[in-house]
Amino acid sequence: MQISALAGRTGVSRRLLRYYEEQGLLKPVRLPNGYRDYAESEVTTVRHIRALLEAGLPTAVIAGLLHCVHDDDGRPVPSTCPGMVGDLRREQRRIAAEITRLESSHRALATLLSAAEGA
């Protein structure tokens, strides 16, 4: 299928699909006319990419884990792959650290705002 069909079926823009290709997440066949030809399975792959992005994983990590994800009643589920649990735990720690940093920024901003409103 062409990129416009994949975009329509997944709700993901053509620009974003091209980005996923640049990141090595999608691997369409190039036709002689230069058009991308996506396999039917790429619809599921895009759904998996979106779920992993929603979990906060960067595309570099997704590239290493994507082959470990399968569907269970239309829901992406990770399979046990070597290193996957470690990768997910590392990303969870990274996100927790970012949350802590944002909470600190939020408190500092609240202090500044309180001072500004009191002035």
PDB file of N, CA and C in Angstrom:
ATOM      1  N   MET A   1       0.847  -1.179   0.000  1.00  0.00           N
ATOM      2  CA  MET A   1       0.000   0.000   0.000  1.00  0.00           C
ATOM      3  C   MET A   1       0.884   1.231   0.000  1.00  0.00           C
ATOM      4  N   GLN A   2       0.384   2.302  -0.528  1.00  0.00           N
ATOM      5  CA  GLN A   2       1.146   3.545  -0.572  1.00  0.00           C
ATOM      6  C   GLN A   2       1.061   4.257   0.775  1.00  0.00           C
ATOM      7  N   ILE A   3       1.940   5.227   0.955  1.00  0.00           N
ATOM      8  CA  ILE A   3       2.046   5.936   2.226  1.00  0.00           C
ATOM      9  C   ILE A   3       0.738   6.625   2.605  1.00  0.00           C
ATOM     10  N   SER A   4       0.003   7.143   1.629  1.00  0.00           N
ATOM     11  CA  SER A   4      -1.260   7.816   1.947  1.00  0.00           C
ATOM     12  C   SER A   4      -2.271   6.818   2.511  1.00  0.00           C
ATOM     13  N   ALA A   5      -2.265   5.586   2.011  1.00  0.00           N
ATOM     14  CA  ALA A   5      -3.173   4.559   2.527  1.00  0.00           C
ATOM     15  C   ALA A   5      -2.785   4.176   3.955  1.00  0.00           C
ATOM     16  N   LEU A   6      -1.487   4.028   4.199  1.00  0.00           N
ATOM     17  CA  LEU A   6      -1.029   3.692   5.549  1.00  0.00           C
ATOM     18  C   LEU A   6      -1.368   4.829   6.513  1.00  0.00           C
ATOM     19  N   ALA A   7      -1.182   6.049   6.076  1.00  0.00           N
ATOM     20  CA  ALA A   7      -1.528   7.203   6.907  1.00  0.00           C
ATOM     21  C   ALA A   7      -3.022   7.190   7.229  1.00  0.00           C
ATOM     22  N   GLY A   8      -3.833   6.915   6.245  1.00  0.00           N
ATOM     23  CA  GLY A   8      -5.273   6.877   6.462  1.00  0.00           C
ATOM     24  C   GLY A   8      -5.705   5.775   7.409  1.00  0.00           C
ATOM     25  N   ARG A   9      -5.075   4.628   7.300  1.00  0.00           N
ATOM     26  CA  ARG A   9      -5.454   3.485   8.135  1.00  0.00           C
ATOM     27  C   ARG A   9      -4.928   3.582   9.558  1.00  0.00           C
ATOM     28  N   THR A  10      -3.872   4.343   9.766  1.00  0.00           N
ATOM     29  CA  THR A  10      -3.276   4.420  11.098  1.00  0.00           C
ATOM     30  C   THR A  10      -3.546   5.748  11.798  1.00  0.00           C
ATOM     31  N   GLY A  11      -3.957   6.765  11.043  1.00  0.00           N
ATOM     32  CA  GLY A  11      -4.150   8.086  11.625  1.00  0.00           C
ATOM     33  C   GLY A  11      -2.847   8.818  11.887  1.00  0.00           C
ATOM     34  N   VAL A  12      -1.761   8.333  11.292  1.00  0.00           N
ATOM     35  CA  VAL A  12      -0.439   8.935  11.445  1.00  0.00           C
ATOM     36  C   VAL A  12      -0.105   9.663  10.152  1.00  0.00           C
ATOM     37  N   SER A  13       0.411  10.868  10.258  1.00  0.00           N
ATOM     38  CA  SER A  13       0.701  11.663   9.068  1.00  0.00           C
ATOM     39  C   SER A  13       1.783  11.013   8.208  1.00  0.00           C
ATOM     40  N   ARG A  14       1.754  11.340   6.925  1.00  0.00           N
ATOM     41  CA  ARG A  14       2.792  10.837   6.012  1.00  0.00           C
ATOM     42  C   ARG A  14       4.168  11.311   6.455  1.00  0.00           C
ATOM     43  N   ARG A  15       4.247  12.526   6.929  1.00  0.00           N
ATOM     44  CA  ARG A  15       5.528  13.066   7.398  1.00  0.00           C
ATOM     45  C   ARG A  15       6.084  12.229   8.549  1.00  0.00           C
ATOM     46  N   LEU A  16       5.216  11.863   9.489  1.00  0.00           N
ATOM     47  CA  LEU A  16       5.642  11.059  10.624  1.00  0.00           C
ATOM     48  C   LEU A  16       6.018   9.641  10.187  1.00  0.00           C
ATOM     49  N   LEU A  17       5.303   9.093   9.225  1.00  0.00           N
ATOM     50  CA  LEU A  17       5.651   7.767   8.698  1.00  0.00           C
ATOM     51  C   LEU A  17       7.027   7.794   8.042  1.00  0.00           C
ATOM     52  N   ARG A  18       7.325   8.871   7.334  1.00  0.00           N
ATOM     53  CA  ARG A  18       8.663   9.004   6.739  1.00  0.00           C
ATOM     54  C   ARG A  18       9.737   9.114   7.829  1.00  0.00           C
ATOM     55  N   TYR A  19       9.410   9.798   8.916  1.00  0.00           N
ATOM     56  CA  TYR A  19      10.331   9.894  10.043  1.00  0.00           C
ATOM     57  C   TYR A  19      10.578   8.505  10.645  1.00  0.00           C
ATOM     58  N   TYR A  20       9.511   7.728  10.816  1.00  0.00           N
ATOM     59  CA  TYR A  20       9.680   6.369  11.344  1.00  0.00           C
ATOM     60  C   TYR A  20      10.588   5.556  10.420  1.00  0.00           C
ATOM     61  N   GLU A  21      10.456   5.754   9.135  1.00  0.00           N
ATOM     62  CA  GLU A  21      11.330   5.071   8.183  1.00  0.00           C
ATOM     63  C   GLU A  21      12.778   5.523   8.372  1.00  0.00           C
ATOM     64  N   GLU A  22      13.000   6.821   8.513  1.00  0.00           N
ATOM     65  CA  GLU A  22      14.358   7.351   8.738  1.00  0.00           C
ATOM     66  C   GLU A  22      14.983   6.760   9.997  1.00  0.00           C
ATOM     67  N   GLN A  23      14.155   6.505  11.000  1.00  0.00           N
ATOM     68  CA  GLN A  23      14.632   5.953  12.268  1.00  0.00           C
ATOM     69  C   GLN A  23      14.797   4.428  12.218  1.00  0.00           C
ATOM     70  N   GLY A  24      14.449   3.830  11.085  1.00  0.00           N
ATOM     71  CA  GLY A  24      14.587   2.380  10.931  1.00  0.00           C
ATOM     72  C   GLY A  24      13.443   1.586  11.522  1.00  0.00           C
ATOM     73  N   LEU A  25      12.346   2.244  11.860  1.00  0.00           N
ATOM     74  CA  LEU A  25      11.202   1.567  12.453  1.00  0.00           C
ATOM     75  C   LEU A  25      10.279   0.949  11.409  1.00  0.00           C
ATOM     76  N   LEU A  26      10.214   1.549  10.247  1.00  0.00           N
ATOM     77  CA  LEU A  26       9.447   1.018   9.120  1.00  0.00           C
ATOM     78  C   LEU A  26      10.405   0.769   7.965  1.00  0.00           C
ATOM     79  N   LYS A  27      10.126  -0.281   7.221  1.00  0.00           N
ATOM     80  CA  LYS A  27      11.007  -0.636   6.110  1.00  0.00           C
ATOM     81  C   LYS A  27      10.193  -0.947   4.854  1.00  0.00           C
ATOM     82  N   PRO A  28       9.644   0.104   4.245  1.00  0.00           N
ATOM     83  CA  PRO A  28       8.871  -0.139   3.026  1.00  0.00           C
ATOM     84  C   PRO A  28       9.784  -0.512   1.865  1.00  0.00           C
ATOM     85  N   VAL A  29       9.204  -1.181   0.900  1.00  0.00           N
ATOM     86  CA  VAL A  29       9.908  -1.498  -0.339  1.00  0.00           C
ATOM     87  C   VAL A  29       9.800  -0.269  -1.231  1.00  0.00           C
ATOM     88  N   ARG A  30      10.868   0.055  -1.923  1.00  0.00           N
ATOM     89  CA  ARG A  30      10.820   1.176  -2.876  1.00  0.00           C
ATOM     90  C   ARG A  30      10.507   0.608  -4.260  1.00  0.00           C
ATOM     91  N   LEU A  31       9.468   1.139  -4.856  1.00  0.00           N
ATOM     92  CA  LEU A  31       9.079   0.738  -6.208  1.00  0.00           C
ATOM     93  C   LEU A  31       9.979   1.434  -7.220  1.00  0.00           C
ATOM     94  N   PRO A  32      10.018   0.947  -8.454  1.00  0.00           N
ATOM     95  CA  PRO A  32      10.863   1.585  -9.475  1.00  0.00           C
ATOM     96  C   PRO A  32      10.581   3.075  -9.672  1.00  0.00           C
ATOM     97  N   ASN A  33       9.344   3.492  -9.416  1.00  0.00           N
ATOM     98  CA  ASN A  33       9.002   4.907  -9.558  1.00  0.00           C
ATOM     99  C   ASN A  33       9.371   5.726  -8.315  1.00  0.00           C
ATOM    100  N   GLY A  34       9.984   5.076  -7.303  1.00  0.00           N
ATOM    101  CA  GLY A  34      10.413   5.760  -6.099  1.00  0.00           C
ATOM    102  C   GLY A  34       9.382   5.778  -4.979  1.00  0.00           C
ATOM    103  N   TYR A  35       8.171   5.332  -5.284  1.00  0.00           N
ATOM    104  CA  TYR A  35       7.128   5.307  -4.256  1.00  0.00           C
ATOM    105  C   TYR A  35       7.452   4.248  -3.209  1.00  0.00           C
ATOM    106  N   ARG A  36       7.004   4.502  -1.996  1.00  0.00           N
ATOM    107  CA  ARG A  36       7.129   3.517  -0.930  1.00  0.00           C
ATOM    108  C   ARG A  36       5.959   2.538  -1.036  1.00  0.00           C
ATOM    109  N   ASP A  37       6.237   1.270  -0.813  1.00  0.00           N
ATOM    110  CA  ASP A  37       5.191   0.247  -0.806  1.00  0.00           C
ATOM    111  C   ASP A  37       5.228  -0.439   0.553  1.00  0.00           C
ATOM    112  N   TYR A  38       4.200  -0.194   1.350  1.00  0.00           N
ATOM    113  CA  TYR A  38       4.137  -0.733   2.701  1.00  0.00           C
ATOM    114  C   TYR A  38       3.358  -2.038   2.715  1.00  0.00           C
ATOM    115  N   ALA A  39       3.872  -2.998   3.458  1.00  0.00           N
ATOM    116  CA  ALA A  39       3.175  -4.271   3.644  1.00  0.00           C
ATOM    117  C   ALA A  39       1.986  -4.061   4.578  1.00  0.00           C
ATOM    118  N   GLU A  40       1.026  -4.938   4.496  1.00  0.00           N
ATOM    119  CA  GLU A  40      -0.146  -4.892   5.374  1.00  0.00           C
ATOM    120  C   GLU A  40       0.277  -4.927   6.845  1.00  0.00           C
ATOM    121  N   SER A  41       1.325  -5.652   7.147  1.00  0.00           N
ATOM    122  CA  SER A  41       1.787  -5.782   8.537  1.00  0.00           C
ATOM    123  C   SER A  41       2.273  -4.461   9.123  1.00  0.00           C
ATOM    124  N   GLU A  42       2.572  -3.486   8.260  1.00  0.00           N
ATOM    125  CA  GLU A  42       3.060  -2.190   8.756  1.00  0.00           C
ATOM    126  C   GLU A  42       1.976  -1.429   9.520  1.00  0.00           C
ATOM    127  N   VAL A  43       0.703  -1.748   9.266  1.00  0.00           N
ATOM    128  CA  VAL A  43      -0.386  -1.121  10.032  1.00  0.00           C
ATOM    129  C   VAL A  43      -0.214  -1.484  11.509  1.00  0.00           C
ATOM    130  N   THR A  44       0.033  -2.756  11.772  1.00  0.00           N
ATOM    131  CA  THR A  44       0.256  -3.214  13.143  1.00  0.00           C
ATOM    132  C   THR A  44       1.545  -2.628  13.706  1.00  0.00           C
ATOM    133  N   THR A  45       2.580  -2.580  12.883  1.00  0.00           N
ATOM    134  CA  THR A  45       3.857  -2.017  13.335  1.00  0.00           C
ATOM    135  C   THR A  45       3.683  -0.570  13.775  1.00  0.00           C
ATOM    136  N   VAL A  46       2.948   0.206  13.008  1.00  0.00           N
ATOM    137  CA  VAL A  46       2.716   1.616  13.370  1.00  0.00           C
ATOM    138  C   VAL A  46       1.951   1.692  14.693  1.00  0.00           C
ATOM    139  N   ARG A  47       0.991   0.816  14.879  1.00  0.00           N
ATOM    140  CA  ARG A  47       0.239   0.795  16.133  1.00  0.00           C
ATOM    141  C   ARG A  47       1.181   0.495  17.313  1.00  0.00           C
ATOM    142  N   HIS A  48       2.100  -0.429  17.109  1.00  0.00           N
ATOM    143  CA  HIS A  48       3.074  -0.753  18.160  1.00  0.00           C
ATOM    144  C   HIS A  48       3.996   0.437  18.436  1.00  0.00           C
ATOM    145  N   ILE A  49       4.458   1.079  17.381  1.00  0.00           N
ATOM    146  CA  ILE A  49       5.324   2.258  17.547  1.00  0.00           C
ATOM    147  C   ILE A  49       4.606   3.310  18.371  1.00  0.00           C
ATOM    148  N   ARG A  50       3.362   3.582  18.036  1.00  0.00           N
ATOM    149  CA  ARG A  50       2.593   4.605  18.752  1.00  0.00           C
ATOM    150  C   ARG A  50       2.428   4.244  20.228  1.00  0.00           C
ATOM    151  N   ALA A  51       2.181   2.963  20.527  1.00  0.00           N
ATOM    152  CA  ALA A  51       2.022   2.534  21.922  1.00  0.00           C
ATOM    153  C   ALA A  51       3.329   2.699  22.694  1.00  0.00           C
ATOM    154  N   LEU A  52       4.451   2.370  22.062  1.00  0.00           N
ATOM    155  CA  LEU A  52       5.750   2.501  22.720  1.00  0.00           C
ATOM    156  C   LEU A  52       6.122   3.973  22.906  1.00  0.00           C
ATOM    157  N   LEU A  53       5.780   4.809  21.941  1.00  0.00           N
ATOM    158  CA  LEU A  53       6.011   6.252  22.092  1.00  0.00           C
ATOM    159  C   LEU A  53       5.156   6.807  23.226  1.00  0.00           C
ATOM    160  N   GLU A  54       3.924   6.342  23.315  1.00  0.00           N
ATOM    161  CA  GLU A  54       3.020   6.798  24.368  1.00  0.00           C
ATOM    162  C   GLU A  54       3.562   6.417  25.754  1.00  0.00           C
ATOM    163  N   ALA A  55       4.302   5.310  25.816  1.00  0.00           N
ATOM    164  CA  ALA A  55       4.918   4.874  27.079  1.00  0.00           C
ATOM    165  C   ALA A  55       6.155   5.702  27.414  1.00  0.00           C
ATOM    166  N   GLY A  56       6.522   6.630  26.510  1.00  0.00           N
ATOM    167  CA  GLY A  56       7.642   7.516  26.776  1.00  0.00           C
ATOM    168  C   GLY A  56       8.975   7.042  26.232  1.00  0.00           C
ATOM    169  N   LEU A  57       8.969   5.994  25.425  1.00  0.00           N
ATOM    170  CA  LEU A  57      10.219   5.484  24.883  1.00  0.00           C
ATOM    171  C   LEU A  57      10.659   6.297  23.677  1.00  0.00           C
ATOM    172  N   PRO A  58      11.931   6.633  23.590  1.00  0.00           N
ATOM    173  CA  PRO A  58      12.436   7.323  22.399  1.00  0.00           C
ATOM    174  C   PRO A  58      12.568   6.338  21.236  1.00  0.00           C
ATOM    175  N   THR A  59      12.584   6.861  20.026  1.00  0.00           N
ATOM    176  CA  THR A  59      12.630   5.991  18.847  1.00  0.00           C
ATOM    177  C   THR A  59      13.878   5.124  18.813  1.00  0.00           C
ATOM    178  N   ALA A  60      14.993   5.595  19.368  1.00  0.00           N
ATOM    179  CA  ALA A  60      16.211   4.780  19.388  1.00  0.00           C
ATOM    180  C   ALA A  60      16.007   3.515  20.217  1.00  0.00           C
ATOM    181  N   VAL A  61      15.290   3.621  21.314  1.00  0.00           N
ATOM    182  CA  VAL A  61      14.994   2.449  22.145  1.00  0.00           C
ATOM    183  C   VAL A  61      13.948   1.578  21.456  1.00  0.00           C
ATOM    184  N   ILE A  62      12.946   2.216  20.867  1.00  0.00           N
ATOM    185  CA  ILE A  62      11.897   1.471  20.160  1.00  0.00           C
ATOM    186  C   ILE A  62      12.508   0.614  19.057  1.00  0.00           C
ATOM    187  N   ALA A  63      13.493   1.145  18.352  1.00  0.00           N
ATOM    188  CA  ALA A  63      14.128   0.393  17.266  1.00  0.00           C
ATOM    189  C   ALA A  63      14.685  -0.932  17.768  1.00  0.00           C
ATOM    190  N   GLY A  64      15.192  -0.960  18.987  1.00  0.00           N
ATOM    191  CA  GLY A  64      15.748  -2.185  19.540  1.00  0.00           C
ATOM    192  C   GLY A  64      14.719  -3.124  20.137  1.00  0.00           C
ATOM    193  N   LEU A  65      13.528  -2.593  20.428  1.00  0.00           N
ATOM    194  CA  LEU A  65      12.501  -3.389  21.090  1.00  0.00           C
ATOM    195  C   LEU A  65      11.326  -3.770  20.200  1.00  0.00           C
ATOM    196  N   LEU A  66      11.185  -3.120  19.081  1.00  0.00           N
ATOM    197  CA  LEU A  66       9.995  -3.285  18.246  1.00  0.00           C
ATOM    198  C   LEU A  66       9.754  -4.739  17.851  1.00  0.00           C
ATOM    199  N   HIS A  67      10.822  -5.461  17.557  1.00  0.00           N
ATOM    200  CA  HIS A  67      10.666  -6.863  17.151  1.00  0.00           C
ATOM    201  C   HIS A  67      10.193  -7.756  18.300  1.00  0.00           C
ATOM    202  N   CYS A  68      10.207  -7.228  19.524  1.00  0.00           N
ATOM    203  CA  CYS A  68       9.797  -7.989  20.706  1.00  0.00           C
ATOM    204  C   CYS A  68       8.313  -7.800  21.036  1.00  0.00           C
ATOM    205  N   VAL A  69       7.615  -7.003  20.272  1.00  0.00           N
ATOM    206  CA  VAL A  69       6.214  -6.698  20.556  1.00  0.00           C
ATOM    207  C   VAL A  69       5.325  -7.471  19.592  1.00  0.00           C
ATOM    208  N   HIS A  70       4.261  -8.073  20.151  1.00  0.00           N
ATOM    209  CA  HIS A  70       3.276  -8.771  19.329  1.00  0.00           C
ATOM    210  C   HIS A  70       1.882  -8.312  19.737  1.00  0.00           C
ATOM    211  N   ASP A  71       0.896  -8.710  18.978  1.00  0.00           N
ATOM    212  CA  ASP A  71      -0.485  -8.322  19.253  1.00  0.00           C
ATOM    213  C   ASP A  71      -1.186  -9.380  20.091  1.00  0.00           C
ATOM    214  N   ASP A  72      -2.001  -8.934  21.020  1.00  0.00           N
ATOM    215  CA  ASP A  72      -2.877  -9.802  21.784  1.00  0.00           C
ATOM    216  C   ASP A  72      -4.238  -9.132  21.772  1.00  0.00           C
ATOM    217  N   ASP A  73      -5.138  -9.646  20.949  1.00  0.00           N
ATOM    218  CA  ASP A  73      -6.466  -9.046  20.763  1.00  0.00           C
ATOM    219  C   ASP A  73      -6.387  -7.579  20.386  1.00  0.00           C
ATOM    220  N   GLY A  74      -5.455  -7.238  19.463  1.00  0.00           N
ATOM    221  CA  GLY A  74      -5.318  -5.878  18.976  1.00  0.00           C
ATOM    222  C   GLY A  74      -4.567  -4.959  19.911  1.00  0.00           C
ATOM    223  N   ARG A  75      -4.008  -5.508  20.969  1.00  0.00           N
ATOM    224  CA  ARG A  75      -3.274  -4.728  21.966  1.00  0.00           C
ATOM    225  C   ARG A  75      -1.810  -5.131  21.911  1.00  0.00           C
ATOM    226  N   PRO A  76      -0.887  -4.169  21.799  1.00  0.00           N
ATOM    227  CA  PRO A  76       0.537  -4.519  21.752  1.00  0.00           C
ATOM    228  C   PRO A  76       1.032  -5.039  23.104  1.00  0.00           C
ATOM    229  N   VAL A  77       1.680  -6.188  23.065  1.00  0.00           N
ATOM    230  CA  VAL A  77       2.189  -6.824  24.273  1.00  0.00           C
ATOM    231  C   VAL A  77       3.646  -7.199  24.041  1.00  0.00           C
ATOM    232  N   PRO A  78       4.533  -6.857  24.997  1.00  0.00           N
ATOM    233  CA  PRO A  78       5.935  -7.235  24.818  1.00  0.00           C
ATOM    234  C   PRO A  78       6.149  -8.717  25.061  1.00  0.00           C
ATOM    235  N   SER A  79       6.989  -9.329  24.243  1.00  0.00           N
ATOM    236  CA  SER A  79       7.434 -10.700  24.457  1.00  0.00           C
ATOM    237  C   SER A  79       8.721 -10.623  25.252  1.00  0.00           C
ATOM    238  N   THR A  80       9.133 -11.741  25.781  1.00  0.00           N
ATOM    239  CA  THR A  80      10.400 -11.757  26.492  1.00  0.00           C
ATOM    240  C   THR A  80      11.530 -11.834  25.480  1.00  0.00           C
ATOM    241  N   CYS A  81      12.308 -10.790  25.409  1.00  0.00           N
ATOM    242  CA  CYS A  81      13.487 -10.730  24.544  1.00  0.00           C
ATOM    243  C   CYS A  81      14.681 -10.414  25.433  1.00  0.00           C
ATOM    244  N   PRO A  82      15.849 -10.914  25.061  1.00  0.00           N
ATOM    245  CA  PRO A  82      17.039 -10.595  25.864  1.00  0.00           C
ATOM    246  C   PRO A  82      17.232  -9.080  25.976  1.00  0.00           C
ATOM    247  N   GLY A  83      17.402  -8.623  27.198  1.00  0.00           N
ATOM    248  CA  GLY A  83      17.668  -7.211  27.435  1.00  0.00           C
ATOM    249  C   GLY A  83      16.445  -6.324  27.496  1.00  0.00           C
ATOM    250  N   MET A  84      15.283  -6.825  27.106  1.00  0.00           N
ATOM    251  CA  MET A  84      14.103  -5.963  27.038  1.00  0.00           C
ATOM    252  C   MET A  84      13.717  -5.419  28.409  1.00  0.00           C
ATOM    253  N   VAL A  85      13.678  -6.277  29.419  1.00  0.00           N
ATOM    254  CA  VAL A  85      13.282  -5.831  30.751  1.00  0.00           C
ATOM    255  C   VAL A  85      14.262  -4.773  31.254  1.00  0.00           C
ATOM    256  N   GLY A  86      15.548  -4.994  31.044  1.00  0.00           N
ATOM    257  CA  GLY A  86      16.551  -4.006  31.450  1.00  0.00           C
ATOM    258  C   GLY A  86      16.358  -2.675  30.749  1.00  0.00           C
ATOM    259  N   ASP A  87      16.084  -2.730  29.442  1.00  0.00           N
ATOM    260  CA  ASP A  87      15.850  -1.498  28.677  1.00  0.00           C
ATOM    261  C   ASP A  87      14.622  -0.757  29.205  1.00  0.00           C
ATOM    262  N   LEU A  88      13.548  -1.505  29.470  1.00  0.00           N
ATOM    263  CA  LEU A  88      12.321  -0.872  29.967  1.00  0.00           C
ATOM    264  C   LEU A  88      12.527  -0.288  31.360  1.00  0.00           C
ATOM    265  N   ARG A  89      13.246  -0.993  32.216  1.00  0.00           N
ATOM    266  CA  ARG A  89      13.525  -0.469  33.563  1.00  0.00           C
ATOM    267  C   ARG A  89      14.378   0.799  33.490  1.00  0.00           C
ATOM    268  N   ARG A  90      15.379   0.805  32.607  1.00  0.00           N
ATOM    269  CA  ARG A  90      16.227   1.989  32.442  1.00  0.00           C
ATOM    270  C   ARG A  90      15.389   3.180  31.995  1.00  0.00           C
ATOM    271  N   GLU A  91      14.492   2.960  31.040  1.00  0.00           N
ATOM    272  CA  GLU A  91      13.631   4.046  30.559  1.00  0.00           C
ATOM    273  C   GLU A  91      12.663   4.495  31.644  1.00  0.00           C
ATOM    274  N   GLN A  92      12.192   3.565  32.460  1.00  0.00           N
ATOM    275  CA  GLN A  92      11.306   3.939  33.560  1.00  0.00           C
ATOM    276  C   GLN A  92      12.046   4.816  34.564  1.00  0.00           C
ATOM    277  N   ARG A  93      13.306   4.485  34.856  1.00  0.00           N
ATOM    278  CA  ARG A  93      14.109   5.313  35.764  1.00  0.00           C
ATOM    279  C   ARG A  93      14.359   6.692  35.158  1.00  0.00           C
ATOM    280  N   ARG A  94      14.614   6.738  33.849  1.00  0.00           N
ATOM    281  CA  ARG A  94      14.846   8.016  33.169  1.00  0.00           C
ATOM    282  C   ARG A  94      13.603   8.903  33.276  1.00  0.00           C
ATOM    283  N   ILE A  95      12.441   8.317  33.064  1.00  0.00           N
ATOM    284  CA  ILE A  95      11.192   9.080  33.123  1.00  0.00           C
ATOM    285  C   ILE A  95      10.920   9.532  34.560  1.00  0.00           C
ATOM    286  N   ALA A  96      11.190   8.668  35.541  1.00  0.00           N
ATOM    287  CA  ALA A  96      11.003   9.044  36.950  1.00  0.00           C
ATOM    288  C   ALA A  96      11.907  10.221  37.315  1.00  0.00           C
ATOM    289  N   ALA A  97      13.138  10.210  36.836  1.00  0.00           N
ATOM    290  CA  ALA A  97      14.063  11.322  37.099  1.00  0.00           C
ATOM    291  C   ALA A  97      13.543  12.604  36.452  1.00  0.00           C
ATOM    292  N   GLU A  98      12.991  12.494  35.264  1.00  0.00           N
ATOM    293  CA  GLU A  98      12.435  13.666  34.574  1.00  0.00           C
ATOM    294  C   GLU A  98      11.221  14.206  35.334  1.00  0.00           C
ATOM    295  N   ILE A  99      10.393  13.314  35.860  1.00  0.00           N
ATOM    296  CA  ILE A  99       9.240  13.741  36.652  1.00  0.00           C
ATOM    297  C   ILE A  99       9.715  14.507  37.890  1.00  0.00           C
ATOM    298  N   THR A 100      10.744  13.988  38.561  1.00  0.00           N
ATOM    299  CA  THR A 100      11.298  14.655  39.737  1.00  0.00           C
ATOM    300  C   THR A 100      11.807  16.044  39.367  1.00  0.00           C
ATOM    301  N   ARG A 101      12.519  16.141  38.236  1.00  0.00           N
ATOM    302  CA  ARG A 101      13.028  17.434  37.782  1.00  0.00           C
ATOM    303  C   ARG A 101      11.886  18.401  37.491  1.00  0.00           C
ATOM    304  N   LEU A 102      10.843  17.920  36.836  1.00  0.00           N
ATOM    305  CA  LEU A 102       9.702  18.778  36.508  1.00  0.00           C
ATOM    306  C   LEU A 102       8.947  19.215  37.766  1.00  0.00           C
ATOM    307  N   GLU A 103       8.831  18.315  38.742  1.00  0.00           N
ATOM    308  CA  GLU A 103       8.172  18.700  39.994  1.00  0.00           C
ATOM    309  C   GLU A 103       8.962  19.792  40.708  1.00  0.00           C
ATOM    310  N   SER A 104      10.276  19.704  40.676  1.00  0.00           N
ATOM    311  CA  SER A 104      11.124  20.732  41.274  1.00  0.00           C
ATOM    312  C   SER A 104      10.939  22.059  40.545  1.00  0.00           C
ATOM    313  N   SER A 105      10.910  22.011  39.224  1.00  0.00           N
ATOM    314  CA  SER A 105      10.676  23.224  38.430  1.00  0.00           C
ATOM    315  C   SER A 105       9.303  23.810  38.739  1.00  0.00           C
ATOM    316  N   HIS A 106       8.328  22.937  38.892  1.00  0.00           N
ATOM    317  CA  HIS A 106       6.971  23.380  39.191  1.00  0.00           C
ATOM    318  C   HIS A 106       6.924  24.117  40.529  1.00  0.00           C
ATOM    319  N   ARG A 107       7.602  23.569  41.539  1.00  0.00           N
ATOM    320  CA  ARG A 107       7.645  24.231  42.855  1.00  0.00           C
ATOM    321  C   ARG A 107       8.362  25.583  42.766  1.00  0.00           C
ATOM    322  N   ALA A 108       9.473  25.636  42.035  1.00  0.00           N
ATOM    323  CA  ALA A 108      10.217  26.895  41.896  1.00  0.00           C
ATOM    324  C   ALA A 108       9.369  27.938  41.181  1.00  0.00           C
ATOM    325  N   LEU A 109       8.662  27.528  40.169  1.00  0.00           N
ATOM    326  CA  LEU A 109       7.797  28.445  39.433  1.00  0.00           C
ATOM    327  C   LEU A 109       6.662  28.940  40.320  1.00  0.00           C
ATOM    328  N   ALA A 110       6.096  28.049  41.130  1.00  0.00           N
ATOM    329  CA  ALA A 110       5.026  28.446  42.043  1.00  0.00           C
ATOM    330  C   ALA A 110       5.529  29.487  43.040  1.00  0.00           C
ATOM    331  N   THR A 111       6.761  29.324  43.515  1.00  0.00           N
ATOM    332  CA  THR A 111       7.360  30.292  44.439  1.00  0.00           C
ATOM    333  C   THR A 111       7.524  31.650  43.762  1.00  0.00           C
ATOM    334  N   LEU A 112       8.038  31.620  42.521  1.00  0.00           N
ATOM    335  CA  LEU A 112       8.200  32.875  41.768  1.00  0.00           C
ATOM    336  C   LEU A 112       6.861  33.541  41.514  1.00  0.00           C
ATOM    337  N   LEU A 113       5.885  32.768  41.142  1.00  0.00           N
ATOM    338  CA  LEU A 113       4.561  33.296  40.846  1.00  0.00           C
ATOM    339  C   LEU A 113       3.939  33.890  42.103  1.00  0.00           C
ATOM    340  N   SER A 114       4.089  33.219  43.209  1.00  0.00           N
ATOM    341  CA  SER A 114       3.551  33.719  44.476  1.00  0.00           C
ATOM    342  C   SER A 114       4.198  35.054  44.853  1.00  0.00           C
ATOM    343  N   ALA A 115       5.527  35.129  44.654  1.00  0.00           N
ATOM    344  CA  ALA A 115       6.238  36.371  44.953  1.00  0.00           C
ATOM    345  C   ALA A 115       5.798  37.484  44.019  1.00  0.00           C
ATOM    346  N   ALA A 116       5.613  37.165  42.744  1.00  0.00           N
ATOM    347  CA  ALA A 116       5.203  38.170  41.766  1.00  0.00           C
ATOM    348  C   ALA A 116       3.795  38.671  42.049  1.00  0.00           C
ATOM    349  N   GLU A 117       2.913  37.798  42.443  1.00  0.00           N
ATOM    350  CA  GLU A 117       1.545  38.201  42.737  1.00  0.00           C
ATOM    351  C   GLU A 117       1.456  39.009  44.027  1.00  0.00           C
ATOM    352  N   GLY A 118       2.408  38.777  44.956  1.00  0.00           N
ATOM    353  CA  GLY A 118       2.412  39.498  46.215  1.00  0.00           C
ATOM    354  C   GLY A 118       3.068  40.866  46.102  1.00  0.00           C
ATOM    355  N   ALA A 119       3.760  41.085  45.003  1.00  0.00           N
ATOM    356  CA  ALA A 119       4.487  42.365  44.841  1.00  0.00           C
ATOM    357  C   ALA A 119       3.572  43.463  44.389  1.00  0.00           C
TER     358      ALA A 119
END
